[in-house]
């Protein structure tokens, strides 16, 4: 599983990554985490607000930071 955090590196981006890592850990899922910071690369996902969470090339959420519990549900 590949989990991408889209954003320029703000506090919200860091929190989103932290929550995503926690969710994967709790679910026992091995995942590769990538940060996408280039605005052109972010735009290719159709994301207009960051941070955004992409799981296996599918945008799951943009413009907000879901809890680890909510992300865990997305990983199922």
Protein backbone atom coordinates (compact mmCIF):
# COMPACT_ATOMS: atom_id res chain seq x y z
CA UNK A 1 0.00 0.00 0.00
CA UNK A 2 1.26 3.46 -0.88
CA UNK A 3 0.04 6.40 1.18
CA UNK A 4 0.82 9.90 -0.04
CA UNK A 5 0.54 13.15 1.85
CA UNK A 6 -0.02 16.06 -0.52
CA UNK A 7 0.96 19.51 0.74
CA UNK A 8 3.72 22.04 1.11
CA UNK A 9 4.82 20.81 4.54
CA UNK A 10 2.65 22.82 6.92
CA UNK A 11 1.66 21.73 10.43
CA UNK A 12 -1.56 20.21 9.10
CA UNK A 13 0.44 18.13 6.62
CA UNK A 14 2.59 16.83 9.45
CA UNK A 15 -0.48 15.98 11.53
CA UNK A 16 -2.09 14.18 8.60
CA UNK A 17 1.04 12.06 8.12
CA UNK A 18 1.19 11.32 11.84
CA UNK A 19 -2.46 10.21 11.87
CA UNK A 20 -2.00 8.09 8.72
CA UNK A 21 1.05 6.34 10.16
CA UNK A 22 -0.81 5.68 13.41
CA UNK A 23 -3.79 4.24 11.51
CA UNK A 24 -1.59 1.94 9.43
CA UNK A 25 0.24 0.77 12.56
CA UNK A 26 -3.00 0.06 14.40
CA UNK A 27 -4.37 -1.90 11.42
CA UNK A 28 -1.11 -3.81 11.01
CA UNK A 29 -0.78 -2.58 7.44
CA UNK A 30 2.62 -2.27 5.83
CA UNK A 31 2.63 0.95 3.87
CA UNK A 32 5.09 3.13 2.05
CA UNK A 33 4.66 6.81 2.87
CA UNK A 34 5.49 9.54 0.38
CA UNK A 35 5.30 13.31 0.59
CA UNK A 36 4.23 15.21 -2.50
CA UNK A 37 5.14 18.88 -2.19
CA UNK A 38 5.36 20.08 -5.79
CA UNK A 39 2.27 22.14 -6.60
CA UNK A 40 2.10 20.76 -10.16
CA UNK A 41 2.20 17.17 -8.90
CA UNK A 42 -0.50 17.98 -6.34
CA UNK A 43 -2.67 19.55 -9.07
CA UNK A 44 -2.42 16.36 -11.14
CA UNK A 45 -4.52 14.67 -8.44
CA UNK A 46 -7.21 17.30 -8.87
CA UNK A 47 -6.60 18.55 -5.34
CA UNK A 48 -7.32 22.22 -4.79
CA UNK A 49 -6.87 22.31 -1.00
CA UNK A 50 -4.11 20.75 1.05
CA UNK A 51 -3.33 18.73 2.96
CA UNK A 52 -4.67 15.75 1.07
CA UNK A 53 -4.47 12.02 1.66
CA UNK A 54 -3.97 9.64 -1.26
CA UNK A 55 -4.18 5.88 -0.74
CA UNK A 56 -3.04 3.71 -3.64
CA UNK A 57 -3.51 6.63 -6.07
CA UNK A 58 -7.05 7.39 -4.87
CA UNK A 59 -7.66 10.76 -3.21
CA UNK A 60 -9.47 10.01 0.06
CA UNK A 61 -9.63 13.46 1.65
CA UNK A 62 -8.50 17.00 0.86
CA UNK A 63 -8.46 20.26 2.77
CA UNK A 64 -8.77 18.76 6.24
CA UNK A 65 -7.04 16.43 8.69
CA UNK A 66 -9.10 13.36 9.57
CA UNK A 67 -8.43 11.50 12.81
CA UNK A 68 -6.36 8.33 12.89
CA UNK A 69 -9.60 6.41 13.52
CA UNK A 70 -11.21 7.88 10.39
CA UNK A 71 -8.12 7.08 8.32
CA UNK A 72 -8.12 3.53 9.67
CA UNK A 73 -11.64 3.12 8.25
CA UNK A 74 -10.37 4.34 4.87
CA UNK A 75 -7.66 1.68 4.95
CA UNK A 76 -10.17 -1.18 5.25
